[in-house]
Amino acid sequence: MDLGGPMQAIANFLGNARCSLRDFVADKRALAATEFAVIVPLMLVMFFGTVEFSSAVAIDRKVTLIARTLSDLTSQSTTLADSDMQNTFTASISIIMPYDATLVKGAISQIYIDENSIATVQWSKAGTIASGATQATLATSARKAGDKVTNEIPSTLLIPSTYLILSEASYTYTPSVGYVLKSSLPLSDLSYTRPRQVTCVPYNGVPSSC
């Protein structure tokens, strides 16, 4: 039996296959497109992740500044009325710009520390800025007069027969893309100061005396 024909055919097939493989490996026309298709999604994830992270860090710093400003402005006052408190919230919350001020929630409380180092809320007020508003709106605070907050205050500040101004600020950061950060991120901070010009800062006549 003559095997020359089939063997030659196989040899020709293998030769053609090697040539085709060599040509395929040498052909780099689609390599750049393939690399682009693989790399671009990764680059986009890194880009949006960097943008979201940078925005969150910037807002977090502003929240800290808001808390400190609320406390600082209040502690410099000798007495407070609703109009004064409204101005304090307006000036402080405006620090968040150019980010959305409507997402900021602030609260100011005065705390009395008695002779037994027990800390009690004397008064507390919250404030926000509504969409399109230029002035803050006062609201009921989560803290109530008479609330005991001793466990929330650093021990170094629990000096008997003294007063503290406690300010709190919070912001709910929602990613604009939501691909890297999947859910909202609550940001908050607080600040303590002592009244600077008086022993305590009465708000609407409370307390009547210090």
Foldseek 3Di string as FASTA:
>chain_A
DDCPVVVVVVVVVVVVVVVVVVVVVVDCPCVVVVVCVVVVVVVVLVVLVVVQVVLVVVQLVLQAQLQVQLQVQQLADQAAEPVSNFVSNLVSLVSNPPDDQQQKKKKKWKWAQAQVLWIFTQDMWIWGADPPGNIIDIDDDPHDGGDTCSVVDPPVPSDHGAMKMKMKMKGWAARPVCPNPVGIDIHMDMDIDGRDPDRTYYYPCTPVHD
